């Protein structure tokens, strides 16, 4: 009976610990920001619409929250796009009209033609 206060103290300490962890998690989430981007998926090579989560302090991307490539939008991949974008590799789709290039110029899938004379 003399140790009843110890049980109450341990329960209170556990509750305080849980509140501290939850508060830190909420404060950390405040620094994240979401943005919608269109990029080329490094796995499939197709344009996709993604909602990217970035760390507001460092500017580094943290994860892909939604991706149009997957049913329901929930990414089930390794999120290679996040790793590549954090390395500074651009994954933006090329728009020939905006880049000044001719449409179909330099198509890597086209078979090589005869050599020029």
PDB file of N, CA and C in Angstrom:
ATOM      1  N   UNK A   1       0.807  -1.191   0.000  1.00  0.00           N
ATOM      2  CA  UNK A   1       0.000   0.000   0.000  1.00  0.00           C
ATOM      3  C   UNK A   1       0.854   1.262   0.000  1.00  0.00           C
ATOM      4  N   UNK A   2       2.053   1.156   0.453  1.00  0.00           N
ATOM      5  CA  UNK A   2       2.907   2.329   0.497  1.00  0.00           C
ATOM      6  C   UNK A   2       3.409   2.710  -0.885  1.00  0.00           C
ATOM      7  N   UNK A   3       3.344   1.789  -1.843  1.00  0.00           N
ATOM      8  CA  UNK A   3       3.859   2.051  -3.184  1.00  0.00           C
ATOM      9  C   UNK A   3       2.766   2.513  -4.134  1.00  0.00           C
ATOM     10  N   UNK A   4       1.569   2.802  -3.657  1.00  0.00           N
ATOM     11  CA  UNK A   4       0.493   3.273  -4.527  1.00  0.00           C
ATOM     12  C   UNK A   4       0.857   4.587  -5.211  1.00  0.00           C
ATOM     13  N   UNK A   5       1.551   5.441  -4.550  1.00  0.00           N
ATOM     14  CA  UNK A   5       1.941   6.705  -5.124  1.00  0.00           C
ATOM     15  C   UNK A   5       2.924   6.502  -6.289  1.00  0.00           C
ATOM     16  N   UNK A   6       3.709   5.406  -6.211  1.00  0.00           N
ATOM     17  CA  UNK A   6       4.659   5.119  -7.271  1.00  0.00           C
ATOM     18  C   UNK A   6       3.938   4.743  -8.577  1.00  0.00           C
ATOM     19  N   UNK A   7       2.855   3.989  -8.479  1.00  0.00           N
ATOM     20  CA  UNK A   7       2.066   3.620  -9.649  1.00  0.00           C
ATOM     21  C   UNK A   7       1.454   4.865 -10.280  1.00  0.00           C
ATOM     22  N   UNK A   8       0.915   5.746  -9.473  1.00  0.00           N
ATOM     23  CA  UNK A   8       0.322   6.984  -9.970  1.00  0.00           C
ATOM     24  C   UNK A   8       1.399   7.854 -10.622  1.00  0.00           C
ATOM     25  N   UNK A   9       2.566   7.925 -10.017  1.00  0.00           N
ATOM     26  CA  UNK A   9       3.667   8.720 -10.559  1.00  0.00           C
ATOM     27  C   UNK A   9       4.123   8.171 -11.912  1.00  0.00           C
ATOM     28  N   UNK A  10       4.254   6.857 -12.034  1.00  0.00           N
ATOM     29  CA  UNK A  10       4.662   6.254 -13.302  1.00  0.00           C
ATOM     30  C   UNK A  10       3.606   6.470 -14.395  1.00  0.00           C
ATOM     31  N   UNK A  11       2.348   6.349 -14.048  1.00  0.00           N
ATOM     32  CA  UNK A  11       1.274   6.576 -15.016  1.00  0.00           C
ATOM     33  C   UNK A  11       1.273   8.036 -15.477  1.00  0.00           C
ATOM     34  N   UNK A  12       1.463   8.951 -14.561  1.00  0.00           N
ATOM     35  CA  UNK A  12       1.507  10.368 -14.915  1.00  0.00           C
ATOM     36  C   UNK A  12       2.721  10.668 -15.802  1.00  0.00           C
ATOM     37  N   UNK A  13       3.860  10.069 -15.489  1.00  0.00           N
ATOM     38  CA  UNK A  13       5.063  10.291 -16.295  1.00  0.00           C
ATOM     39  C   UNK A  13       4.860   9.754 -17.710  1.00  0.00           C
ATOM     40  N   UNK A  14       4.206   8.619 -17.842  1.00  0.00           N
ATOM     41  CA  UNK A  14       3.924   8.069 -19.161  1.00  0.00           C
ATOM     42  C   UNK A  14       2.990   8.971 -19.955  1.00  0.00           C
ATOM     43  N   UNK A  15       1.996   9.529 -19.306  1.00  0.00           N
ATOM     44  CA  UNK A  15       1.071  10.453 -19.971  1.00  0.00           C
ATOM     45  C   UNK A  15       1.765  11.718 -20.408  1.00  0.00           C
ATOM     46  N   UNK A  16       2.611  12.257 -19.573  1.00  0.00           N
ATOM     47  CA  UNK A  16       3.362  13.461 -19.924  1.00  0.00           C
ATOM     48  C   UNK A  16       4.294  13.164 -21.098  1.00  0.00           C
ATOM     49  N   UNK A  17       4.920  11.996 -21.081  1.00  0.00           N
ATOM     50  CA  UNK A  17       5.806  11.606 -22.186  1.00  0.00           C
ATOM     51  C   UNK A  17       5.055  11.519 -23.505  1.00  0.00           C
ATOM     52  N   UNK A  18       3.866  10.949 -23.484  1.00  0.00           N
ATOM     53  CA  UNK A  18       3.062  10.838 -24.699  1.00  0.00           C
ATOM     54  C   UNK A  18       2.662  12.218 -25.217  1.00  0.00           C
ATOM     55  N   UNK A  19       2.312  13.122 -24.341  1.00  0.00           N
ATOM     56  CA  UNK A  19       1.933  14.482 -24.740  1.00  0.00           C
ATOM     57  C   UNK A  19       3.130  15.208 -25.342  1.00  0.00           C
ATOM     58  N   UNK A  20       4.310  15.031 -24.766  1.00  0.00           N
ATOM     59  CA  UNK A  20       5.510  15.688 -25.294  1.00  0.00           C
ATOM     60  C   UNK A  20       5.833  15.176 -26.693  1.00  0.00           C
ATOM     61  N   UNK A  21       5.750  13.871 -26.901  1.00  0.00           N
ATOM     62  CA  UNK A  21       6.035  13.300 -28.217  1.00  0.00           C
ATOM     63  C   UNK A  21       5.025  13.810 -29.245  1.00  0.00           C
ATOM     64  N   UNK A  22       3.759  13.829 -28.895  1.00  0.00           N
ATOM     65  CA  UNK A  22       2.725  14.301 -29.817  1.00  0.00           C
ATOM     66  C   UNK A  22       2.920  15.781 -30.148  1.00  0.00           C
ATOM     67  N   UNK A  23       3.263  16.583 -29.152  1.00  0.00           N
ATOM     68  CA  UNK A  23       3.472  18.016 -29.380  1.00  0.00           C
ATOM     69  C   UNK A  23       4.675  18.255 -30.293  1.00  0.00           C
ATOM     70  N   UNK A  24       5.748  17.510 -30.101  1.00  0.00           N
ATOM     71  CA  UNK A  24       6.927  17.673 -30.960  1.00  0.00           C
ATOM     72  C   UNK A  24       6.622  17.281 -32.395  1.00  0.00           C
ATOM     73  N   UNK A  25       5.823  16.228 -32.564  1.00  0.00           N
ATOM     74  CA  UNK A  25       5.453  15.791 -33.903  1.00  0.00           C
ATOM     75  C   UNK A  25       4.611  16.856 -34.605  1.00  0.00           C
ATOM     76  N   UNK A  26       3.674  17.460 -33.878  1.00  0.00           N
ATOM     77  CA  UNK A  26       2.842  18.511 -34.459  1.00  0.00           C
ATOM     78  C   UNK A  26       3.668  19.744 -34.820  1.00  0.00           C
ATOM     79  N   UNK A  27       4.589  20.118 -33.962  1.00  0.00           N
ATOM     80  CA  UNK A  27       5.434  21.279 -34.243  1.00  0.00           C
ATOM     81  C   UNK A  27       6.343  21.033 -35.441  1.00  0.00           C
ATOM     82  N   UNK A  28       6.831  19.814 -35.570  1.00  0.00           N
ATOM     83  CA  UNK A  28       7.700  19.493 -36.705  1.00  0.00           C
ATOM     84  C   UNK A  28       6.912  19.543 -38.006  1.00  0.00           C
ATOM     85  N   UNK A  29       5.659  19.113 -38.009  1.00  0.00           N
ATOM     86  CA  UNK A  29       4.830  19.117 -39.223  1.00  0.00           C
ATOM     87  C   UNK A  29       4.531  20.530 -39.705  1.00  0.00           C
ATOM     88  N   UNK A  30       4.557  21.495 -38.829  1.00  0.00           N
ATOM     89  CA  UNK A  30       4.263  22.872 -39.229  1.00  0.00           C
ATOM     90  C   UNK A  30       5.268  23.384 -40.248  1.00  0.00           C
ATOM     91  N   UNK A  31       6.447  22.818 -40.270  1.00  0.00           N
ATOM     92  CA  UNK A  31       7.501  23.312 -41.141  1.00  0.00           C
ATOM     93  C   UNK A  31       7.463  22.664 -42.524  1.00  0.00           C
ATOM     94  N   UNK A  32       6.555  21.744 -42.751  1.00  0.00           N
ATOM     95  CA  UNK A  32       6.423  21.115 -44.060  1.00  0.00           C
ATOM     96  C   UNK A  32       5.444  21.908 -44.909  1.00  0.00           C
ATOM     97  N   UNK A  33       5.692  21.911 -46.212  1.00  0.00           N
ATOM     98  CA  UNK A  33       4.752  22.562 -47.118  1.00  0.00           C
ATOM     99  C   UNK A  33       4.508  21.634 -48.301  1.00  0.00           C
ATOM    100  N   UNK A  34       3.320  21.720 -48.848  1.00  0.00           N
ATOM    101  CA  UNK A  34       2.932  20.863 -49.970  1.00  0.00           C
ATOM    102  C   UNK A  34       2.837  21.701 -51.236  1.00  0.00           C
ATOM    103  N   UNK A  35       3.199  21.089 -52.356  1.00  0.00           N
ATOM    104  CA  UNK A  35       3.053  21.761 -53.644  1.00  0.00           C
ATOM    105  C   UNK A  35       2.718  20.711 -54.697  1.00  0.00           C
ATOM    106  N   UNK A  36       1.908  21.117 -55.665  1.00  0.00           N
ATOM    107  CA  UNK A  36       1.534  20.241 -56.770  1.00  0.00           C
ATOM    108  C   UNK A  36       2.465  20.515 -57.937  1.00  0.00           C
ATOM    109  N   UNK A  37       3.056  19.456 -58.473  1.00  0.00           N
ATOM    110  CA  UNK A  37       3.983  19.589 -59.589  1.00  0.00           C
ATOM    111  C   UNK A  37       3.667  18.543 -60.652  1.00  0.00           C
ATOM    112  N   UNK A  38       4.051  18.849 -61.877  1.00  0.00           N
ATOM    113  CA  UNK A  38       4.008  17.874 -62.960  1.00  0.00           C
ATOM    114  C   UNK A  38       5.442  17.532 -63.293  1.00  0.00           C
ATOM    115  N   UNK A  39       5.755  16.251 -63.307  1.00  0.00           N
ATOM    116  CA  UNK A  39       7.108  15.818 -63.600  1.00  0.00           C
ATOM    117  C   UNK A  39       7.080  14.517 -64.383  1.00  0.00           C
ATOM    118  N   UNK A  40       8.232  14.118 -64.864  1.00  0.00           N
ATOM    119  CA  UNK A  40       8.355  12.857 -65.580  1.00  0.00           C
ATOM    120  C   UNK A  40       8.808  11.810 -64.587  1.00  0.00           C
ATOM    121  N   UNK A  41       8.019  10.750 -64.460  1.00  0.00           N
ATOM    122  CA  UNK A  41       8.350   9.672 -63.535  1.00  0.00           C
ATOM    123  C   UNK A  41       9.628   8.992 -64.010  1.00  0.00           C
ATOM    124  N   UNK A  42      10.648   8.881 -63.155  1.00  0.00           N
ATOM    125  CA  UNK A  42      11.890   8.245 -63.586  1.00  0.00           C
ATOM    126  C   UNK A  42      11.730   6.749 -63.859  1.00  0.00           C
ATOM    127  N   UNK A  43      10.717   6.138 -63.307  1.00  0.00           N
ATOM    128  CA  UNK A  43      10.482   4.707 -63.540  1.00  0.00           C
ATOM    129  C   UNK A  43       9.811   4.440 -64.876  1.00  0.00           C
ATOM    130  N   UNK A  44       8.758   5.206 -65.186  1.00  0.00           N
ATOM    131  CA  UNK A  44       7.961   4.930 -66.383  1.00  0.00           C
ATOM    132  C   UNK A  44       8.270   5.872 -67.538  1.00  0.00           C
ATOM    133  N   UNK A  45       8.835   7.033 -67.253  1.00  0.00           N
ATOM    134  CA  UNK A  45       9.113   8.014 -68.292  1.00  0.00           C
ATOM    135  C   UNK A  45       7.882   8.772 -68.766  1.00  0.00           C
ATOM    136  N   UNK A  46       6.788   8.664 -68.021  1.00  0.00           N
ATOM    137  CA  UNK A  46       5.556   9.350 -68.400  1.00  0.00           C
ATOM    138  C   UNK A  46       5.324  10.547 -67.487  1.00  0.00           C
ATOM    139  N   UNK A  47       4.675  11.594 -67.996  1.00  0.00           N
ATOM    140  CA  UNK A  47       4.347  12.736 -67.142  1.00  0.00           C
ATOM    141  C   UNK A  47       3.306  12.342 -66.086  1.00  0.00           C
ATOM    142  N   UNK A  48       3.518  12.760 -64.872  1.00  0.00           N
ATOM    143  CA  UNK A  48       2.586  12.490 -63.776  1.00  0.00           C
ATOM    144  C   UNK A  48       2.366  13.762 -62.986  1.00  0.00           C
ATOM    145  N   UNK A  49       1.253  13.840 -62.322  1.00  0.00           N
ATOM    146  CA  UNK A  49       0.901  14.959 -61.444  1.00  0.00           C
ATOM    147  C   UNK A  49       1.113  14.487 -60.016  1.00  0.00           C
ATOM    148  N   UNK A  50       1.939  15.189 -59.258  1.00  0.00           N
ATOM    149  CA  UNK A  50       2.290  14.765 -57.900  1.00  0.00           C
ATOM    150  C   UNK A  50       2.077  15.891 -56.898  1.00  0.00           C
ATOM    151  N   UNK A  51       1.757  15.506 -55.691  1.00  0.00           N
ATOM    152  CA  UNK A  51       1.764  16.441 -54.567  1.00  0.00           C
ATOM    153  C   UNK A  51       3.005  16.105 -53.746  1.00  0.00           C
ATOM    154  N   UNK A  52       3.954  17.031 -53.756  1.00  0.00           N
ATOM    155  CA  UNK A  52       5.227  16.834 -53.082  1.00  0.00           C
ATOM    156  C   UNK A  52       5.220  17.549 -51.737  1.00  0.00           C
ATOM    157  N   UNK A  53       5.791  16.896 -50.741  1.00  0.00           N
ATOM    158  CA  UNK A  53       5.938  17.472 -49.407  1.00  0.00           C
ATOM    159  C   UNK A  53       7.407  17.858 -49.236  1.00  0.00           C
ATOM    160  N   UNK A  54       7.641  19.137 -48.929  1.00  0.00           N
ATOM    161  CA  UNK A  54       9.001  19.643 -48.767  1.00  0.00           C
ATOM    162  C   UNK A  54       9.192  20.177 -47.356  1.00  0.00           C
ATOM    163  N   UNK A  55      10.411  20.074 -46.873  1.00  0.00           N
ATOM    164  CA  UNK A  55      10.776  20.646 -45.583  1.00  0.00           C
ATOM    165  C   UNK A  55      10.903  22.147 -45.779  1.00  0.00           C
ATOM    166  N   UNK A  56      10.122  22.917 -45.042  1.00  0.00           N
ATOM    167  CA  UNK A  56      10.120  24.370 -45.202  1.00  0.00           C
ATOM    168  C   UNK A  56      11.414  25.016 -44.793  1.00  0.00           C
ATOM    169  N   UNK A  57      12.159  24.383 -43.920  1.00  0.00           N
ATOM    170  CA  UNK A  57      13.422  24.971 -43.455  1.00  0.00           C
ATOM    171  C   UNK A  57      14.538  24.771 -44.468  1.00  0.00           C
ATOM    172  N   UNK A  58      14.742  23.537 -44.911  1.00  0.00           N
ATOM    173  CA  UNK A  58      15.855  23.241 -45.810  1.00  0.00           C
ATOM    174  C   UNK A  58      15.465  23.308 -47.277  1.00  0.00           C
ATOM    175  N   UNK A  59      14.167  23.182 -47.575  1.00  0.00           N
ATOM    176  CA  UNK A  59      13.714  23.184 -48.955  1.00  0.00           C
ATOM    177  C   UNK A  59      13.818  21.825 -49.629  1.00  0.00           C
ATOM    178  N   UNK A  60      14.361  20.827 -48.936  1.00  0.00           N
ATOM    179  CA  UNK A  60      14.473  19.483 -49.508  1.00  0.00           C
ATOM    180  C   UNK A  60      13.121  18.795 -49.530  1.00  0.00           C
ATOM    181  N   UNK A  61      12.914  18.019 -50.579  1.00  0.00           N
ATOM    182  CA  UNK A  61      11.687  17.235 -50.667  1.00  0.00           C
ATOM    183  C   UNK A  61      11.765  16.066 -49.694  1.00  0.00           C
ATOM    184  N   UNK A  62      10.635  15.787 -49.065  1.00  0.00           N
ATOM    185  CA  UNK A  62      10.579  14.722 -48.078  1.00  0.00           C
ATOM    186  C   UNK A  62       9.919  13.481 -48.661  1.00  0.00           C
ATOM    187  N   UNK A  63       8.778  13.683 -49.328  1.00  0.00           N
ATOM    188  CA  UNK A  63       8.055  12.540 -49.868  1.00  0.00           C
ATOM    189  C   UNK A  63       7.049  12.990 -50.920  1.00  0.00           C
ATOM    190  N   UNK A  64       6.522  11.988 -51.627  1.00  0.00           N
ATOM    191  CA  UNK A  64       5.412  12.202 -52.543  1.00  0.00           C
ATOM    192  C   UNK A  64       4.158  11.774 -51.799  1.00  0.00           C
ATOM    193  N   UNK A  65       3.246  12.716 -51.581  1.00  0.00           N
ATOM    194  CA  UNK A  65       2.022  12.393 -50.851  1.00  0.00           C
ATOM    195  C   UNK A  65       0.973  11.786 -51.773  1.00  0.00           C
ATOM    196  N   UNK A  66       0.897  12.272 -53.018  1.00  0.00           N
ATOM    197  CA  UNK A  66      -0.070  11.744 -53.999  1.00  0.00           C
ATOM    198  C   UNK A  66       0.590  11.742 -55.363  1.00  0.00           C
ATOM    199  N   UNK A  67       0.216  10.753 -56.179  1.00  0.00           N
ATOM    200  CA  UNK A  67       0.760  10.643 -57.526  1.00  0.00           C
ATOM    201  C   UNK A  67      -0.316  10.105 -58.452  1.00  0.00           C
ATOM    202  N   UNK A  68      -0.464  10.746 -59.621  1.00  0.00           N
ATOM    203  CA  UNK A  68      -1.515  10.346 -60.554  1.00  0.00           C
ATOM    204  C   UNK A  68      -1.226   9.000 -61.213  1.00  0.00           C
ATOM    205  N   UNK A  69      -0.032   8.487 -61.078  1.00  0.00           N
ATOM    206  CA  UNK A  69       0.329   7.210 -61.691  1.00  0.00           C
ATOM    207  C   UNK A  69      -0.353   6.030 -60.999  1.00  0.00           C
ATOM    208  N   UNK A  70      -0.690   6.180 -59.748  1.00  0.00           N
ATOM    209  CA  UNK A  70      -1.234   5.075 -58.956  1.00  0.00           C
ATOM    210  C   UNK A  70      -2.726   5.222 -58.752  1.00  0.00           C
ATOM    211  N   UNK A  71      -3.449   4.105 -58.742  1.00  0.00           N
ATOM    212  CA  UNK A  71      -4.890   4.177 -58.460  1.00  0.00           C
ATOM    213  C   UNK A  71      -5.106   4.689 -57.036  1.00  0.00           C
ATOM    214  N   UNK A  72      -5.986   5.630 -56.908  1.00  0.00           N
ATOM    215  CA  UNK A  72      -6.232   6.231 -55.599  1.00  0.00           C
ATOM    216  C   UNK A  72      -5.209   7.286 -55.236  1.00  0.00           C
ATOM    217  N   UNK A  73      -4.143   7.422 -56.035  1.00  0.00           N
ATOM    218  CA  UNK A  73      -3.144   8.451 -55.792  1.00  0.00           C
ATOM    219  C   UNK A  73      -2.100   8.126 -54.749  1.00  0.00           C
ATOM    220  N   UNK A  74      -2.236   7.009 -54.048  1.00  0.00           N
ATOM    221  CA  UNK A  74      -1.286   6.667 -52.993  1.00  0.00           C
ATOM    222  C   UNK A  74      -0.037   6.024 -53.590  1.00  0.00           C
ATOM    223  N   UNK A  75       1.131   6.670 -53.473  1.00  0.00           N
ATOM    224  CA  UNK A  75       2.350   6.117 -54.061  1.00  0.00           C
ATOM    225  C   UNK A  75       2.739   4.811 -53.382  1.00  0.00           C
ATOM    226  N   UNK A  76       3.070   3.832 -54.204  1.00  0.00           N
ATOM    227  CA  UNK A  76       3.522   2.542 -53.693  1.00  0.00           C
ATOM    228  C   UNK A  76       4.876   2.208 -54.314  1.00  0.00           C
ATOM    229  N   UNK A  77       5.681   3.230 -54.545  1.00  0.00           N
ATOM    230  CA  UNK A  77       6.972   3.034 -55.203  1.00  0.00           C
ATOM    231  C   UNK A  77       8.092   3.457 -54.255  1.00  0.00           C
ATOM    232  N   UNK A  78       9.318   3.413 -54.764  1.00  0.00           N
ATOM    233  CA  UNK A  78      10.484   3.805 -53.959  1.00  0.00           C
ATOM    234  C   UNK A  78      10.692   5.311 -53.925  1.00  0.00           C
ATOM    235  N   UNK A  79       9.853   6.051 -54.619  1.00  0.00           N
ATOM    236  CA  UNK A  79       9.916   7.511 -54.684  1.00  0.00           C
ATOM    237  C   UNK A  79      11.287   7.996 -55.151  1.00  0.00           C
ATOM    238  N   UNK A  80      11.740   7.391 -56.254  1.00  0.00           N
ATOM    239  CA  UNK A  80      13.021   7.785 -56.832  1.00  0.00           C
ATOM    240  C   UNK A  80      13.021   9.242 -57.270  1.00  0.00           C
ATOM    241  N   UNK A  81      11.854   9.767 -57.627  1.00  0.00           N
ATOM    242  CA  UNK A  81      11.774  11.161 -58.072  1.00  0.00           C
ATOM    243  C   UNK A  81      12.219  12.113 -56.962  1.00  0.00           C
ATOM    244  N   UNK A  82      11.896  11.797 -55.716  1.00  0.00           N
ATOM    245  CA  UNK A  82      12.304  12.654 -54.593  1.00  0.00           C
ATOM    246  C   UNK A  82      13.826  12.673 -54.493  1.00  0.00           C
ATOM    247  N   UNK A  83      14.447  11.511 -54.605  1.00  0.00           N
ATOM    248  CA  UNK A  83      15.903  11.424 -54.508  1.00  0.00           C
ATOM    249  C   UNK A  83      16.579  12.202 -55.632  1.00  0.00           C
ATOM    250  N   UNK A  84      16.052  12.050 -56.862  1.00  0.00           N
ATOM    251  CA  UNK A  84      16.649  12.742 -58.001  1.00  0.00           C
ATOM    252  C   UNK A  84      16.458  14.248 -57.920  1.00  0.00           C
ATOM    253  N   UNK A  85      15.273  14.692 -57.527  1.00  0.00           N
ATOM    254  CA  UNK A  85      15.024  16.127 -57.408  1.00  0.00           C
ATOM    255  C   UNK A  85      15.891  16.750 -56.320  1.00  0.00           C
ATOM    256  N   UNK A  86      16.124  16.030 -55.222  1.00  0.00           N
ATOM    257  CA  UNK A  86      16.997  16.552 -54.167  1.00  0.00           C
ATOM    258  C   UNK A  86      18.449  16.635 -54.618  1.00  0.00           C
ATOM    259  N   UNK A  87      18.820  15.826 -55.632  1.00  0.00           N
ATOM    260  CA  UNK A  87      20.171  15.897 -56.190  1.00  0.00           C
ATOM    261  C   UNK A  87      20.309  17.010 -57.224  1.00  0.00           C
ATOM    262  N   UNK A  88      19.190  17.662 -57.565  1.00  0.00           N
ATOM    263  CA  UNK A  88      19.210  18.753 -58.524  1.00  0.00           C
ATOM    264  C   UNK A  88      18.931  18.315 -59.948  1.00  0.00           C
ATOM    265  N   UNK A  89      18.501  17.074 -60.140  1.00  0.00           N
ATOM    266  CA  UNK A  89      18.187  16.573 -61.474  1.00  0.00           C
ATOM    267  C   UNK A  89      16.756  16.963 -61.809  1.00  0.00           C
ATOM    268  N   UNK A  90      16.587  17.662 -62.930  1.00  0.00           N
ATOM    269  CA  UNK A  90      15.249  18.128 -63.320  1.00  0.00           C
ATOM    270  C   UNK A  90      14.462  17.001 -63.943  1.00  0.00           C
ATOM    271  N   UNK A  91      13.219  16.881 -63.550  1.00  0.00           N
ATOM    272  CA  UNK A  91      12.326  15.865 -64.097  1.00  0.00           C
ATOM    273  C   UNK A  91      11.120  16.505 -64.756  1.00  0.00           C
ATOM    274  N   UNK A  92      11.249  17.768 -65.148  1.00  0.00           N
ATOM    275  CA  UNK A  92      10.103  18.452 -65.732  1.00  0.00           C
ATOM    276  C   UNK A  92       9.894  17.985 -67.161  1.00  0.00           C
ATOM    277  N   UNK A  93       8.624  17.862 -67.561  1.00  0.00           N
ATOM    278  CA  UNK A  93       8.351  17.457 -68.937  1.00  0.00           C
ATOM    279  C   UNK A  93       8.801  18.526 -69.918  1.00  0.00           C
ATOM    280  N   UNK A  94       9.317  18.102 -71.053  1.00  0.00           N
ATOM    281  CA  UNK A  94       9.792  19.038 -72.070  1.00  0.00           C
ATOM    282  C   UNK A  94       8.613  19.435 -72.938  1.00  0.00           C
ATOM    283  N   UNK A  95       8.405  20.713 -73.056  1.00  0.00           N
ATOM    284  CA  UNK A  95       7.366  21.256 -73.928  1.00  0.00           C
ATOM    285  C   UNK A  95       8.078  21.861 -75.130  1.00  0.00           C
ATOM    286  N   UNK A  96       8.015  21.204 -76.315  1.00  0.00           N
ATOM    287  CA  UNK A  96       8.771  21.703 -77.473  1.00  0.00           C
ATOM    288  C   UNK A  96       8.434  23.132 -77.848  1.00  0.00           C
ATOM    289  N   UNK A  97       7.193  23.553 -77.663  1.00  0.00           N
ATOM    290  CA  UNK A  97       6.807  24.912 -78.040  1.00  0.00           C
ATOM    291  C   UNK A  97       7.504  25.939 -77.146  1.00  0.00           C
ATOM    292  N   UNK A  98       7.713  25.601 -75.895  1.00  0.00           N
ATOM    293  CA  UNK A  98       8.321  26.555 -74.957  1.00  0.00           C
ATOM    294  C   UNK A  98       9.833  26.520 -75.011  1.00  0.00           C
ATOM    295  N   UNK A  99      10.418  25.375 -75.350  1.00  0.00           N
ATOM    296  CA  UNK A  99      11.871  25.274 -75.314  1.00  0.00           C
ATOM    297  C   UNK A  99      12.529  25.724 -76.610  1.00  0.00           C
ATOM    298  N   UNK A 100      11.732  25.983 -77.671  1.00  0.00           N
ATOM    299  CA  UNK A 100      12.291  26.441 -78.924  1.00  0.00           C
ATOM    300  C   UNK A 100      12.763  25.296 -79.803  1.00  0.00           C
ATOM    301  N   UNK A 101      12.563  24.054 -79.391  1.00  0.00           N
ATOM    302  CA  UNK A 101      12.971  22.911 -80.191  1.00  0.00           C
ATOM    303  C   UNK A 101      11.842  22.516 -81.125  1.00  0.00           C
ATOM    304  N   UNK A 102      12.203  21.858 -82.208  1.00  0.00           N
ATOM    305  CA  UNK A 102      11.193  21.340 -83.114  1.00  0.00           C
ATOM    306  C   UNK A 102      10.603  20.075 -82.525  1.00  0.00           C
ATOM    307  N   UNK A 103       9.331  19.851 -82.767  1.00  0.00           N
ATOM    308  CA  UNK A 103       8.688  18.638 -82.294  1.00  0.00           C
ATOM    309  C   UNK A 103       9.281  17.453 -83.033  1.00  0.00           C
ATOM    310  N   UNK A 104       9.664  16.433 -82.290  1.00  0.00           N
ATOM    311  CA  UNK A 104      10.197  15.207 -82.870  1.00  0.00           C
ATOM    312  C   UNK A 104      11.673  15.282 -83.193  1.00  0.00           C
ATOM    313  N   UNK A 105      12.318  16.404 -82.967  1.00  0.00           N
ATOM    314  CA  UNK A 105      13.739  16.515 -83.253  1.00  0.00           C
ATOM    315  C   UNK A 105      14.529  15.721 -82.230  1.00  0.00           C
ATOM    316  N   UNK A 106      15.438  14.912 -82.717  1.00  0.00           N
ATOM    317  CA  UNK A 106      16.281  14.145 -81.817  1.00  0.00           C
ATOM    318  C   UNK A 106      15.542  13.050 -81.095  1.00  0.00           C
ATOM    319  N   UNK A 107      14.537  12.461 -81.716  1.00  0.00           N
ATOM    320  CA  UNK A 107      13.773  11.382 -81.089  1.00  0.00           C
ATOM    321  C   UNK A 107      14.675  10.173 -80.919  1.00  0.00           C
ATOM    322  N   UNK A 108      14.995   9.780 -79.669  1.00  0.00           N
ATOM    323  CA  UNK A 108      15.914   8.669 -79.469  1.00  0.00           C
ATOM    324  C   UNK A 108      15.319   7.341 -79.918  1.00  0.00           C
ATOM    325  N   UNK A 109      14.006   7.252 -80.072  1.00  0.00           N
ATOM    326  CA  UNK A 109      13.390   6.004 -80.463  1.00  0.00           C
ATOM    327  C   UNK A 109      13.379   5.811 -81.975  1.00  0.00           C
ATOM    328  N   UNK A 110      13.705   6.833 -82.749  1.00  0.00           N
ATOM    329  CA  UNK A 110      13.680   6.724 -84.200  1.00  0.00           C
ATOM    330  C   UNK A 110      14.896   5.949 -84.692  1.00  0.00           C
ATOM    331  N   UNK A 111      14.715   5.069 -85.668  1.00  0.00           N
ATOM    332  CA  UNK A 111      15.871   4.326 -86.190  1.00  0.00           C
ATOM    333  C   UNK A 111      16.781   5.279 -86.945  1.00  0.00           C
ATOM    334  N   UNK A 112      18.061   4.993 -86.915  1.00  0.00           N
ATOM    335  CA  UNK A 112      18.987   5.887 -87.625  1.00  0.00           C
ATOM    336  C   UNK A 112      18.772   5.783 -89.130  1.00  0.00           C
ATOM    337  N   UNK A 113      18.850   6.895 -89.798  1.00  0.00           N
ATOM    338  CA  UNK A 113      18.681   6.939 -91.245  1.00  0.00           C
ATOM    339  C   UNK A 113      19.993   6.701 -91.946  1.00  0.00           C
ATOM    340  N   UNK A 114      19.974   6.820 -93.262  1.00  0.00           N
ATOM    341  CA  UNK A 114      21.223   6.639 -94.008  1.00  0.00           C
ATOM    342  C   UNK A 114      22.188   7.782 -93.724  1.00  0.00           C
ATOM    343  N   UNK A 115      23.458   7.526 -93.811  1.00  0.00           N
ATOM    344  CA  UNK A 115      24.424   8.592 -93.511  1.00  0.00           C
ATOM    345  C   UNK A 115      24.301   9.726 -94.521  1.00  0.00           C
ATOM    346  N   UNK A 116      24.547  10.904 -94.069  1.00  0.00           N
ATOM    347  CA  UNK A 116      24.482  12.089 -94.939  1.00  0.00           C
ATOM    348  C   UNK A 116      25.632  12.055 -95.925  1.00  0.00           C
ATOM    349  N   UNK A 117      25.404  12.504 -97.180  1.00  0.00           N
ATOM    350  CA  UNK A 117      26.479  12.481 -98.196  1.00  0.00           C
ATOM    351  C   UNK A 117      27.581  13.457 -97.891  1.00  0.00           C
TER     352      UNK A 117
END
